[in-house]
Amino acid sequence: MIAEPANVWPADVEARILRDLAAVGVHVEYLQDLCMKGSNAPAAVPVLIHWLNVTIHWDIADVISRIFMMPWARCDAVADALCARFASAPNTPRWLAAKWSMGNALSLCATPKHSDRLLRLIANREYDYARGMLLVALVRAKAPGALDAIAGVIHELPHEGVSALKRLKDPAAIPVLEPFLNYSQADIRRAARAAIERLESLKRD
C-alpha cells in the first residue's frame, strides 16, 4: 500500500464506491452523506469494509471510518476491519490522521474480543498520536491490563489517556492521574482533577 501523494479528493474513487453502494440499495449523492444524522444504511457496511481494506486514499479511509461511528454501522465486523486497517495502512502524516478516525470509531464499537489487538496497536509507537482514541476503545473493550497499557503511554497521549482513565472507573488509576494536576496545559489539569474526583467518589460508594 502507498499513501495518497496529493491532497485532492479522489472523486473517481468515490464514484466507484457510490456505484457499489447503489448496487446494494444505498443511494446517496456523496459518501459523506452517510455520516449525516438520520442516515440509516446497514446494507452499506460490507461495501464500506471492502473499500476501507483496499483503498490507497487516506481521505477515503478517513470518511469511511467516520461513517463507521454511526450507530447503524457499529458491529464486530467493522471493529475487526478497523483494527486490521489501522495496522496495515502506512504511517505517513495523512494516514495517521485517518488512523485517528479509525481509533475514534473503535472507541464506539470495540468489544472484549478486540482487547489483544488493541493492546498491540497501542504498544506500537510508530502509530504516534493516532493511538489516542484506541485508549478509549481499550476501556470500552474491558481489556484486562487496560490500566497498565494506558499508564504506559499517557505521557505521550495525555488528553485521551486522562479521559480513558476516567472512563475506566478504577480508583487504582488515581496515582497515574495525580501528576497531571500540575500539567502545563490547563484543559488537561482540569480533566485530571475531574477524573480524580470521579474516581474518589467511586471509592466512597
N, C-alpha and C. Protein backbone atom coordinates (compact mmCIF):
# COMPACT_ATOMS: atom_id res chain seq x y z
N MET A 1 0.83 -1.18 0.00
CA MET A 1 0.00 0.00 0.00
C MET A 1 0.88 1.26 0.00
N ILE A 2 0.44 2.30 -0.68
CA ILE A 2 1.15 3.56 -0.68
C ILE A 2 0.21 4.66 -0.25
N ALA A 3 0.77 5.75 0.22
CA ALA A 3 -0.06 6.86 0.67
C ALA A 3 -0.50 7.70 -0.52
N GLU A 4 -1.65 8.33 -0.39
CA GLU A 4 -2.12 9.25 -1.41
C GLU A 4 -1.19 10.45 -1.46
N PRO A 5 -0.53 10.74 -2.61
CA PRO A 5 0.50 11.76 -2.65
C PRO A 5 -0.02 13.19 -2.65
N ALA A 6 -1.24 13.42 -3.10
CA ALA A 6 -1.74 14.78 -3.21
C ALA A 6 -3.02 14.95 -2.41
N ASN A 7 -3.17 16.16 -1.88
CA ASN A 7 -4.36 16.43 -1.08
C ASN A 7 -5.52 16.85 -1.98
N VAL A 8 -5.91 15.94 -2.86
CA VAL A 8 -7.01 16.17 -3.80
C VAL A 8 -8.03 15.06 -3.60
N TRP A 9 -9.29 15.43 -3.38
CA TRP A 9 -10.32 14.43 -3.14
C TRP A 9 -10.46 13.52 -4.35
N PRO A 10 -10.35 12.20 -4.18
CA PRO A 10 -10.40 11.25 -5.30
C PRO A 10 -11.85 11.00 -5.74
N ALA A 11 -12.39 11.91 -6.52
CA ALA A 11 -13.79 11.83 -6.91
C ALA A 11 -14.08 10.57 -7.73
N ASP A 12 -13.09 10.12 -8.51
CA ASP A 12 -13.32 8.92 -9.31
C ASP A 12 -13.49 7.69 -8.43
N VAL A 13 -12.73 7.62 -7.34
CA VAL A 13 -12.87 6.50 -6.40
C VAL A 13 -14.21 6.61 -5.68
N GLU A 14 -14.57 7.81 -5.27
CA GLU A 14 -15.87 7.98 -4.62
C GLU A 14 -17.00 7.52 -5.54
N ALA A 15 -16.90 7.84 -6.84
CA ALA A 15 -17.94 7.42 -7.78
C ALA A 15 -18.06 5.90 -7.84
N ARG A 16 -16.93 5.20 -7.78
CA ARG A 16 -16.97 3.73 -7.80
C ARG A 16 -17.62 3.18 -6.53
N ILE A 17 -17.32 3.81 -5.39
CA ILE A 17 -17.93 3.37 -4.14
C ILE A 17 -19.43 3.62 -4.18
N LEU A 18 -19.83 4.77 -4.70
CA LEU A 18 -21.26 5.09 -4.78
C LEU A 18 -21.99 4.10 -5.67
N ARG A 19 -21.34 3.66 -6.73
CA ARG A 19 -21.97 2.65 -7.60
C ARG A 19 -22.13 1.33 -6.84
N ASP A 20 -21.11 0.95 -6.07
CA ASP A 20 -21.20 -0.28 -5.28
C ASP A 20 -22.30 -0.17 -4.22
N LEU A 21 -22.43 1.01 -3.63
CA LEU A 21 -23.48 1.20 -2.64
C LEU A 21 -24.86 1.14 -3.29
N ALA A 22 -25.00 1.75 -4.47
CA ALA A 22 -26.28 1.72 -5.16
C ALA A 22 -26.69 0.29 -5.50
N ALA A 23 -25.68 -0.54 -5.78
CA ALA A 23 -25.96 -1.94 -6.13
C ALA A 23 -26.57 -2.72 -4.98
N VAL A 24 -26.36 -2.24 -3.73
CA VAL A 24 -26.96 -2.92 -2.57
C VAL A 24 -28.13 -2.09 -2.01
N GLY A 25 -28.59 -1.13 -2.81
CA GLY A 25 -29.77 -0.38 -2.44
C GLY A 25 -29.53 0.85 -1.60
N VAL A 26 -28.28 1.30 -1.49
CA VAL A 26 -27.96 2.50 -0.72
C VAL A 26 -27.64 3.62 -1.71
N HIS A 27 -28.52 4.60 -1.79
CA HIS A 27 -28.39 5.68 -2.79
C HIS A 27 -28.10 7.00 -2.07
N VAL A 28 -26.90 7.50 -2.25
CA VAL A 28 -26.51 8.80 -1.71
C VAL A 28 -25.76 9.56 -2.78
N GLU A 29 -25.77 10.88 -2.66
CA GLU A 29 -25.08 11.71 -3.66
C GLU A 29 -23.58 11.77 -3.39
N TYR A 30 -23.24 11.81 -2.11
CA TYR A 30 -21.84 11.87 -1.71
C TYR A 30 -21.60 10.86 -0.59
N LEU A 31 -20.38 10.33 -0.52
CA LEU A 31 -20.05 9.37 0.51
C LEU A 31 -20.28 9.97 1.90
N GLN A 32 -19.93 11.25 2.06
CA GLN A 32 -20.08 11.89 3.36
C GLN A 32 -21.53 11.95 3.83
N ASP A 33 -22.46 11.79 2.92
CA ASP A 33 -23.87 11.82 3.32
C ASP A 33 -24.20 10.74 4.33
N LEU A 34 -23.45 9.65 4.32
CA LEU A 34 -23.69 8.56 5.26
C LEU A 34 -23.24 8.90 6.67
N CYS A 35 -22.54 10.03 6.83
CA CYS A 35 -22.15 10.50 8.16
C CYS A 35 -23.22 11.36 8.79
N MET A 36 -24.25 11.70 8.03
CA MET A 36 -25.24 12.65 8.50
C MET A 36 -26.17 12.01 9.52
N LYS A 37 -26.55 12.81 10.50
CA LYS A 37 -27.54 12.35 11.47
C LYS A 37 -28.82 11.99 10.74
N GLY A 38 -29.36 10.85 11.09
CA GLY A 38 -30.58 10.39 10.43
C GLY A 38 -30.32 9.38 9.33
N SER A 39 -29.07 9.25 8.90
CA SER A 39 -28.78 8.22 7.90
C SER A 39 -28.92 6.85 8.56
N ASN A 40 -29.35 5.88 7.78
CA ASN A 40 -29.54 4.52 8.30
C ASN A 40 -29.36 3.55 7.14
N ALA A 41 -28.14 3.02 7.03
CA ALA A 41 -27.82 2.23 5.84
C ALA A 41 -26.97 1.02 6.20
N PRO A 42 -27.49 0.10 7.01
CA PRO A 42 -26.68 -1.07 7.39
C PRO A 42 -26.23 -1.90 6.21
N ALA A 43 -26.98 -1.86 5.09
CA ALA A 43 -26.56 -2.62 3.91
C ALA A 43 -25.24 -2.11 3.35
N ALA A 44 -24.87 -0.88 3.72
CA ALA A 44 -23.62 -0.30 3.21
C ALA A 44 -22.39 -0.88 3.88
N VAL A 45 -22.55 -1.49 5.04
CA VAL A 45 -21.39 -1.88 5.84
C VAL A 45 -20.42 -2.81 5.10
N PRO A 46 -20.88 -3.91 4.48
CA PRO A 46 -19.90 -4.77 3.78
C PRO A 46 -19.17 -4.05 2.65
N VAL A 47 -19.87 -3.17 1.94
CA VAL A 47 -19.23 -2.40 0.87
C VAL A 47 -18.15 -1.49 1.44
N LEU A 48 -18.46 -0.82 2.52
CA LEU A 48 -17.51 0.10 3.12
C LEU A 48 -16.32 -0.63 3.73
N ILE A 49 -16.55 -1.79 4.31
CA ILE A 49 -15.43 -2.59 4.83
C ILE A 49 -14.48 -2.96 3.68
N HIS A 50 -15.05 -3.38 2.56
CA HIS A 50 -14.21 -3.73 1.41
C HIS A 50 -13.35 -2.54 0.99
N TRP A 51 -13.97 -1.37 0.88
CA TRP A 51 -13.21 -0.21 0.40
C TRP A 51 -12.21 0.28 1.43
N LEU A 52 -12.52 0.15 2.70
CA LEU A 52 -11.53 0.50 3.72
C LEU A 52 -10.29 -0.37 3.56
N ASN A 53 -10.49 -1.64 3.25
CA ASN A 53 -9.37 -2.57 3.12
C ASN A 53 -8.51 -2.29 1.89
N VAL A 54 -9.13 -1.85 0.80
CA VAL A 54 -8.38 -1.79 -0.46
C VAL A 54 -7.95 -0.39 -0.87
N THR A 55 -8.54 0.65 -0.30
CA THR A 55 -8.22 1.99 -0.78
C THR A 55 -6.78 2.38 -0.47
N ILE A 56 -6.17 3.12 -1.38
CA ILE A 56 -4.86 3.71 -1.12
C ILE A 56 -5.00 5.18 -0.76
N HIS A 57 -6.23 5.64 -0.63
CA HIS A 57 -6.50 7.06 -0.37
C HIS A 57 -6.85 7.27 1.10
N TRP A 58 -6.00 8.00 1.78
CA TRP A 58 -6.20 8.23 3.21
C TRP A 58 -7.52 8.93 3.49
N ASP A 59 -7.92 9.85 2.59
CA ASP A 59 -9.13 10.62 2.86
C ASP A 59 -10.39 9.78 2.68
N ILE A 60 -10.35 8.82 1.76
CA ILE A 60 -11.47 7.88 1.64
C ILE A 60 -11.56 7.03 2.91
N ALA A 61 -10.40 6.54 3.39
CA ALA A 61 -10.38 5.75 4.62
C ALA A 61 -10.88 6.56 5.80
N ASP A 62 -10.54 7.85 5.82
CA ASP A 62 -10.97 8.72 6.91
C ASP A 62 -12.49 8.87 6.91
N VAL A 63 -13.09 9.11 5.75
CA VAL A 63 -14.54 9.27 5.68
C VAL A 63 -15.24 7.96 6.05
N ILE A 64 -14.74 6.85 5.54
CA ILE A 64 -15.35 5.56 5.88
C ILE A 64 -15.29 5.33 7.38
N SER A 65 -14.17 5.67 8.00
CA SER A 65 -14.04 5.50 9.45
C SER A 65 -15.06 6.36 10.19
N ARG A 66 -15.30 7.56 9.69
CA ARG A 66 -16.30 8.43 10.32
C ARG A 66 -17.71 7.87 10.13
N ILE A 67 -17.95 7.26 9.00
CA ILE A 67 -19.26 6.61 8.79
C ILE A 67 -19.43 5.48 9.79
N PHE A 68 -18.35 4.77 10.08
CA PHE A 68 -18.42 3.64 11.00
C PHE A 68 -18.71 4.07 12.43
N MET A 69 -18.75 5.37 12.70
CA MET A 69 -19.16 5.86 14.00
C MET A 69 -20.68 5.92 14.14
N MET A 70 -21.38 5.82 13.02
CA MET A 70 -22.84 5.88 13.07
C MET A 70 -23.40 4.66 13.78
N PRO A 71 -24.46 4.83 14.57
CA PRO A 71 -24.99 3.68 15.34
C PRO A 71 -25.31 2.47 14.48
N TRP A 72 -25.81 2.66 13.28
CA TRP A 72 -26.20 1.53 12.44
C TRP A 72 -25.00 0.77 11.88
N ALA A 73 -23.81 1.35 11.98
CA ALA A 73 -22.61 0.72 11.41
C ALA A 73 -21.75 0.00 12.43
N ARG A 74 -22.09 0.11 13.70
CA ARG A 74 -21.23 -0.45 14.74
C ARG A 74 -21.49 -1.94 14.92
N CYS A 75 -20.47 -2.74 14.65
CA CYS A 75 -20.60 -4.19 14.79
C CYS A 75 -19.21 -4.81 14.87
N ASP A 76 -19.15 -6.10 15.20
CA ASP A 76 -17.87 -6.78 15.31
C ASP A 76 -17.08 -6.76 14.01
N ALA A 77 -17.79 -6.93 12.89
CA ALA A 77 -17.09 -6.96 11.60
C ALA A 77 -16.42 -5.62 11.31
N VAL A 78 -17.06 -4.54 11.67
CA VAL A 78 -16.47 -3.22 11.48
C VAL A 78 -15.26 -3.05 12.39
N ALA A 79 -15.38 -3.45 13.65
CA ALA A 79 -14.25 -3.34 14.58
C ALA A 79 -13.07 -4.19 14.09
N ASP A 80 -13.35 -5.38 13.58
CA ASP A 80 -12.29 -6.23 13.02
C ASP A 80 -11.57 -5.51 11.88
N ALA A 81 -12.36 -4.93 10.98
CA ALA A 81 -11.78 -4.26 9.82
C ALA A 81 -10.97 -3.04 10.23
N LEU A 82 -11.46 -2.28 11.20
CA LEU A 82 -10.73 -1.10 11.65
C LEU A 82 -9.40 -1.47 12.30
N CYS A 83 -9.40 -2.51 13.12
CA CYS A 83 -8.14 -2.96 13.72
C CYS A 83 -7.14 -3.39 12.65
N ALA A 84 -7.62 -4.14 11.67
CA ALA A 84 -6.73 -4.64 10.61
C ALA A 84 -6.17 -3.49 9.77
N ARG A 85 -7.02 -2.54 9.41
CA ARG A 85 -6.56 -1.44 8.55
C ARG A 85 -5.67 -0.48 9.31
N PHE A 86 -5.94 -0.29 10.60
CA PHE A 86 -5.06 0.53 11.42
C PHE A 86 -3.64 -0.03 11.37
N ALA A 87 -3.54 -1.35 11.44
CA ALA A 87 -2.22 -1.98 11.44
C ALA A 87 -1.56 -1.97 10.07
N SER A 88 -2.34 -2.09 9.01
CA SER A 88 -1.75 -2.30 7.68
C SER A 88 -1.50 -1.02 6.90
N ALA A 89 -2.20 0.05 7.22
CA ALA A 89 -2.04 1.28 6.45
C ALA A 89 -0.70 1.94 6.75
N PRO A 90 -0.21 2.78 5.84
CA PRO A 90 1.08 3.46 6.08
C PRO A 90 1.00 4.39 7.29
N ASN A 91 2.17 4.80 7.75
CA ASN A 91 2.23 5.72 8.89
C ASN A 91 2.70 7.11 8.45
N THR A 92 2.26 7.53 7.28
CA THR A 92 2.53 8.88 6.82
C THR A 92 1.64 9.86 7.59
N PRO A 93 1.95 11.15 7.59
CA PRO A 93 1.13 12.11 8.35
C PRO A 93 -0.36 12.06 8.00
N ARG A 94 -0.70 11.95 6.72
CA ARG A 94 -2.11 11.94 6.35
C ARG A 94 -2.79 10.64 6.78
N TRP A 95 -2.08 9.54 6.62
CA TRP A 95 -2.67 8.27 7.04
C TRP A 95 -2.79 8.21 8.57
N LEU A 96 -1.90 8.83 9.30
CA LEU A 96 -2.05 8.87 10.76
C LEU A 96 -3.32 9.61 11.14
N ALA A 97 -3.66 10.66 10.39
CA ALA A 97 -4.93 11.36 10.65
C ALA A 97 -6.11 10.43 10.43
N ALA A 98 -6.05 9.64 9.35
CA ALA A 98 -7.12 8.67 9.09
C ALA A 98 -7.16 7.61 10.19
N LYS A 99 -5.99 7.21 10.68
CA LYS A 99 -5.96 6.20 11.74
C LYS A 99 -6.56 6.74 13.04
N TRP A 100 -6.40 8.03 13.28
CA TRP A 100 -7.05 8.61 14.46
C TRP A 100 -8.56 8.43 14.34
N SER A 101 -9.09 8.66 13.14
CA SER A 101 -10.53 8.45 12.94
C SER A 101 -10.91 6.98 13.10
N MET A 102 -10.03 6.08 12.66
CA MET A 102 -10.29 4.65 12.88
C MET A 102 -10.38 4.36 14.37
N GLY A 103 -9.46 4.93 15.14
CA GLY A 103 -9.49 4.74 16.58
C GLY A 103 -10.74 5.32 17.20
N ASN A 104 -11.17 6.46 16.69
CA ASN A 104 -12.39 7.09 17.19
C ASN A 104 -13.58 6.16 16.96
N ALA A 105 -13.65 5.57 15.78
CA ALA A 105 -14.74 4.61 15.51
C ALA A 105 -14.63 3.39 16.41
N LEU A 106 -13.42 2.91 16.64
CA LEU A 106 -13.22 1.76 17.52
C LEU A 106 -13.65 2.07 18.96
N SER A 107 -13.54 3.33 19.35
CA SER A 107 -13.95 3.68 20.71
C SER A 107 -15.46 3.51 20.91
N LEU A 108 -16.19 3.31 19.80
CA LEU A 108 -17.63 3.13 19.86
C LEU A 108 -18.07 1.70 19.56
N CYS A 109 -17.17 0.88 19.00
CA CYS A 109 -17.63 -0.45 18.59
C CYS A 109 -16.72 -1.59 19.03
N ALA A 110 -15.60 -1.31 19.69
CA ALA A 110 -14.72 -2.39 20.14
C ALA A 110 -15.41 -3.23 21.21
N THR A 111 -15.11 -4.51 21.22
CA THR A 111 -15.67 -5.44 22.21
C THR A 111 -14.52 -6.19 22.88
N PRO A 112 -14.79 -6.96 23.91
CA PRO A 112 -13.71 -7.70 24.57
C PRO A 112 -12.87 -8.55 23.63
N LYS A 113 -13.44 -9.04 22.56
CA LYS A 113 -12.67 -9.88 21.64
C LYS A 113 -11.56 -9.11 20.93
N HIS A 114 -11.64 -7.78 20.97
CA HIS A 114 -10.62 -6.95 20.30
C HIS A 114 -9.51 -6.50 21.26
N SER A 115 -9.57 -6.94 22.50
CA SER A 115 -8.63 -6.44 23.51
C SER A 115 -7.18 -6.65 23.13
N ASP A 116 -6.82 -7.86 22.75
CA ASP A 116 -5.41 -8.14 22.44
C ASP A 116 -4.92 -7.32 21.25
N ARG A 117 -5.76 -7.17 20.24
CA ARG A 117 -5.36 -6.40 19.06
C ARG A 117 -5.16 -4.93 19.43
N LEU A 118 -6.03 -4.40 20.26
CA LEU A 118 -5.89 -3.01 20.69
C LEU A 118 -4.62 -2.81 21.50
N LEU A 119 -4.33 -3.74 22.38
CA LEU A 119 -3.11 -3.64 23.19
C LEU A 119 -1.87 -3.62 22.31
N ARG A 120 -1.86 -4.44 21.27
CA ARG A 120 -0.70 -4.47 20.37
C ARG A 120 -0.58 -3.16 19.59
N LEU A 121 -1.68 -2.62 19.15
CA LEU A 121 -1.65 -1.36 18.41
C LEU A 121 -1.16 -0.22 19.29
N ILE A 122 -1.66 -0.18 20.51
CA ILE A 122 -1.27 0.90 21.43
C ILE A 122 0.21 0.82 21.77
N ALA A 123 0.74 -0.38 21.85
CA ALA A 123 2.16 -0.55 22.21
C ALA A 123 3.11 -0.13 21.09
N ASN A 124 2.61 0.01 19.89
CA ASN A 124 3.46 0.33 18.74
C ASN A 124 3.57 1.84 18.57
N ARG A 125 4.70 2.41 18.93
CA ARG A 125 4.87 3.86 18.90
C ARG A 125 4.97 4.42 17.48
N GLU A 126 5.10 3.56 16.49
CA GLU A 126 5.10 4.05 15.11
C GLU A 126 3.77 4.71 14.75
N TYR A 127 2.72 4.37 15.49
CA TYR A 127 1.40 4.94 15.21
C TYR A 127 1.20 6.29 15.87
N ASP A 128 2.15 6.71 16.69
CA ASP A 128 2.20 8.06 17.22
C ASP A 128 0.85 8.48 17.84
N TYR A 129 0.42 9.71 17.56
CA TYR A 129 -0.80 10.24 18.17
C TYR A 129 -2.05 9.52 17.72
N ALA A 130 -1.98 8.80 16.60
CA ALA A 130 -3.17 8.10 16.09
C ALA A 130 -3.69 7.08 17.08
N ARG A 131 -2.85 6.67 18.03
CA ARG A 131 -3.27 5.69 19.04
C ARG A 131 -4.22 6.29 20.08
N GLY A 132 -4.39 7.60 20.08
CA GLY A 132 -5.10 8.25 21.16
C GLY A 132 -6.45 7.66 21.49
N MET A 133 -7.34 7.58 20.51
CA MET A 133 -8.68 7.08 20.78
C MET A 133 -8.70 5.57 21.00
N LEU A 134 -7.61 4.89 20.67
CA LEU A 134 -7.53 3.46 20.99
C LEU A 134 -7.53 3.24 22.50
N LEU A 135 -7.08 4.24 23.25
CA LEU A 135 -7.10 4.12 24.71
C LEU A 135 -8.53 4.06 25.21
N VAL A 136 -9.39 4.88 24.62
CA VAL A 136 -10.80 4.85 24.98
C VAL A 136 -11.43 3.54 24.50
N ALA A 137 -11.03 3.09 23.31
CA ALA A 137 -11.53 1.80 22.80
C ALA A 137 -11.14 0.66 23.73
N LEU A 138 -9.96 0.74 24.30
CA LEU A 138 -9.49 -0.30 25.21
C LEU A 138 -10.39 -0.39 26.44
N VAL A 139 -10.82 0.76 26.93
CA VAL A 139 -11.73 0.77 28.07
C VAL A 139 -13.08 0.18 27.67
N ARG A 140 -13.56 0.58 26.50
CA ARG A 140 -14.84 0.04 26.03
C ARG A 140 -14.78 -1.48 25.90
N ALA A 141 -13.63 -1.98 25.47
CA ALA A 141 -13.46 -3.42 25.28
C ALA A 141 -13.27 -4.18 26.59
N LYS A 142 -13.20 -3.43 27.70
CA LYS A 142 -13.00 -4.05 29.02
C LYS A 142 -11.77 -4.96 29.01
N ALA A 143 -10.71 -4.46 28.42
CA ALA A 143 -9.50 -5.25 28.24
C ALA A 143 -8.77 -5.46 29.55
N PRO A 144 -8.41 -6.69 29.88
CA PRO A 144 -7.51 -6.92 31.02
C PRO A 144 -6.18 -6.21 30.75
N GLY A 145 -5.66 -5.56 31.74
CA GLY A 145 -4.41 -4.84 31.54
C GLY A 145 -4.58 -3.45 30.97
N ALA A 146 -5.82 -2.96 30.88
CA ALA A 146 -6.07 -1.64 30.31
C ALA A 146 -5.37 -0.55 31.11
N LEU A 147 -5.44 -0.62 32.43
CA LEU A 147 -4.82 0.41 33.26
C LEU A 147 -3.32 0.50 33.00
N ASP A 148 -2.63 -0.63 32.98
CA ASP A 148 -1.18 -0.63 32.74
C ASP A 148 -0.86 -0.11 31.35
N ALA A 149 -1.66 -0.50 30.36
CA ALA A 149 -1.41 -0.06 28.99
C ALA A 149 -1.58 1.45 28.86
N ILE A 150 -2.62 1.98 29.46
CA ILE A 150 -2.85 3.43 29.40
C ILE A 150 -1.76 4.17 30.16
N ALA A 151 -1.42 3.67 31.34
CA ALA A 151 -0.36 4.31 32.13
C ALA A 151 0.96 4.35 31.36
N GLY A 152 1.20 3.35 30.53
CA GLY A 152 2.45 3.29 29.78
C GLY A 152 2.58 4.32 28.68
N VAL A 153 1.46 4.89 28.24
CA VAL A 153 1.52 5.84 27.12
C VAL A 153 0.87 7.18 27.46
N ILE A 154 0.38 7.35 28.68
CA ILE A 154 -0.40 8.55 29.00
C ILE A 154 0.44 9.83 28.87
N HIS A 155 1.74 9.75 29.08
CA HIS A 155 2.55 10.95 28.93
C HIS A 155 2.73 11.33 27.46
N GLU A 156 2.56 10.39 26.56
CA GLU A 156 2.58 10.69 25.13
C GLU A 156 1.22 11.16 24.64
N LEU A 157 0.18 10.67 25.29
CA LEU A 157 -1.20 10.92 24.85
C LEU A 157 -2.02 11.38 26.05
N PRO A 158 -1.69 12.53 26.62
CA PRO A 158 -2.30 12.91 27.90
C PRO A 158 -3.80 13.18 27.81
N HIS A 159 -4.26 13.81 26.76
CA HIS A 159 -5.68 14.14 26.68
C HIS A 159 -6.53 12.88 26.67
N GLU A 160 -6.23 11.98 25.73
CA GLU A 160 -7.00 10.74 25.63
C GLU A 160 -6.74 9.82 26.81
N GLY A 161 -5.51 9.83 27.31
CA GLY A 161 -5.18 8.97 28.44
C GLY A 161 -5.96 9.33 29.69
N VAL A 162 -6.05 10.62 29.99
CA VAL A 162 -6.82 11.06 31.16
C VAL A 162 -8.30 10.70 30.97
N SER A 163 -8.81 10.96 29.78
CA SER A 163 -10.21 10.63 29.50
C SER A 163 -10.48 9.14 29.66
N ALA A 164 -9.56 8.32 29.15
CA ALA A 164 -9.73 6.88 29.23
C ALA A 164 -9.72 6.40 30.67
N LEU A 165 -8.83 6.95 31.49
CA LEU A 165 -8.76 6.52 32.89
C LEU A 165 -10.01 6.92 33.67
N LYS A 166 -10.59 8.05 33.33
CA LYS A 166 -11.85 8.42 33.96
C LYS A 166 -12.94 7.42 33.60
N ARG A 167 -12.97 7.01 32.33
CA ARG A 167 -13.96 6.05 31.87
C ARG A 167 -13.71 4.65 32.45
N LEU A 168 -12.47 4.37 32.78
CA LEU A 168 -12.13 3.05 33.30
C LEU A 168 -12.79 2.79 34.66
N LYS A 169 -13.03 3.87 35.42
CA LYS A 169 -13.73 3.77 36.71
C LYS A 169 -13.01 2.84 37.68
N ASP A 170 -11.69 2.90 37.67
CA ASP A 170 -10.89 2.09 38.60
C ASP A 170 -10.09 3.05 39.49
N PRO A 171 -10.40 3.13 40.78
CA PRO A 171 -9.66 4.04 41.66
C PRO A 171 -8.15 3.81 41.66
N ALA A 172 -7.71 2.64 41.23
CA ALA A 172 -6.27 2.38 41.15
C ALA A 172 -5.58 3.30 40.15
N ALA A 173 -6.37 3.99 39.32
CA ALA A 173 -5.80 4.91 38.33
C ALA A 173 -5.44 6.26 38.94
N ILE A 174 -5.86 6.52 40.15
CA ILE A 174 -5.62 7.85 40.74
C ILE A 174 -4.14 8.22 40.78
N PRO A 175 -3.23 7.33 41.23
CA PRO A 175 -1.81 7.71 41.23
C PRO A 175 -1.26 8.01 39.83
N VAL A 176 -1.83 7.40 38.82
CA VAL A 176 -1.40 7.68 37.45
C VAL A 176 -1.84 9.08 37.02
N LEU A 177 -3.00 9.49 37.52
CA LEU A 177 -3.57 10.79 37.14
C LEU A 177 -2.97 11.96 37.92
N GLU A 178 -2.52 11.72 39.13
CA GLU A 178 -2.09 12.82 40.00
C GLU A 178 -1.00 13.71 39.39
N PRO A 179 0.00 13.19 38.68
CA PRO A 179 0.99 14.09 38.09
C PRO A 179 0.40 15.10 37.11
N PHE A 180 -0.76 14.80 36.55
CA PHE A 180 -1.35 15.69 35.56
C PHE A 180 -2.12 16.85 36.19
N LEU A 181 -2.19 16.86 37.53
CA LEU A 181 -2.76 18.02 38.20
C LEU A 181 -1.87 19.25 38.05
N ASN A 182 -0.60 19.02 37.72
CA ASN A 182 0.36 20.11 37.52
C ASN A 182 0.83 20.21 36.07
N TYR A 183 0.03 19.66 35.16
CA TYR A 183 0.42 19.65 33.75
C TYR A 183 0.43 21.07 33.19
N SER A 184 1.20 21.26 32.13
CA SER A 184 1.35 22.61 31.57
C SER A 184 0.08 23.14 30.91
N GLN A 185 -0.78 22.24 30.42
CA GLN A 185 -2.00 22.67 29.74
C GLN A 185 -3.17 22.65 30.72
N ALA A 186 -3.89 23.78 30.77
CA ALA A 186 -4.96 23.93 31.75
C ALA A 186 -6.09 22.94 31.52
N ASP A 187 -6.40 22.64 30.24
CA ASP A 187 -7.52 21.73 29.99
C ASP A 187 -7.21 20.33 30.50
N ILE A 188 -5.96 19.92 30.41
CA ILE A 188 -5.59 18.60 30.92
C ILE A 188 -5.56 18.60 32.44
N ARG A 189 -5.13 19.70 33.06
CA ARG A 189 -5.20 19.79 34.53
C ARG A 189 -6.64 19.66 35.01
N ARG A 190 -7.54 20.36 34.32
CA ARG A 190 -8.96 20.30 34.71
C ARG A 190 -9.52 18.89 34.51
N ALA A 191 -9.16 18.26 33.39
CA ALA A 191 -9.65 16.91 33.12
C ALA A 191 -9.12 15.93 34.16
N ALA A 192 -7.86 16.07 34.53
CA ALA A 192 -7.27 15.18 35.53
C ALA A 192 -7.96 15.37 36.89
N ARG A 193 -8.23 16.61 37.24
CA ARG A 193 -8.92 16.87 38.51
C ARG A 193 -10.31 16.26 38.52
N ALA A 194 -11.03 16.43 37.42
CA ALA A 194 -12.37 15.86 37.32
C ALA A 194 -12.33 14.33 37.38
N ALA A 195 -11.34 13.75 36.72
CA ALA A 195 -11.21 12.29 36.73
C ALA A 195 -10.92 11.78 38.13
N ILE A 196 -10.02 12.45 38.83
CA ILE A 196 -9.67 12.02 40.18
C ILE A 196 -10.88 12.16 41.11
N GLU A 197 -11.59 13.26 40.99
CA GLU A 197 -12.78 13.45 41.82
C GLU A 197 -13.80 12.34 41.56
N ARG A 198 -13.95 11.98 40.29
CA ARG A 198 -14.88 10.91 39.96
C ARG A 198 -14.43 9.58 40.56
N LEU A 199 -13.16 9.28 40.45
CA LEU A 199 -12.65 8.01 40.98
C LEU A 199 -12.66 7.99 42.50
N GLU A 200 -12.41 9.14 43.12
CA GLU A 200 -12.51 9.21 44.58
C GLU A 200 -13.93 8.94 45.04
N SER A 201 -14.91 9.43 44.28
CA SER A 201 -16.30 9.19 44.65
C SER A 201 -16.64 7.71 44.55
N LEU A 202 -16.04 7.02 43.59
CA LEU A 202 -16.27 5.59 43.47
C LEU A 202 -15.71 4.83 44.67
N LYS A 203 -14.61 5.33 45.21
CA LYS A 203 -14.03 4.69 46.41
C LYS A 203 -14.97 4.82 47.60
N ARG A 204 -15.71 5.95 47.65
CA ARG A 204 -16.60 6.18 48.78
C ARG A 204 -17.92 5.40 48.66
N ASP A 205 -18.29 5.06 47.43
CA ASP A 205 -19.57 4.39 47.21
C ASP A 205 -19.54 2.94 47.72
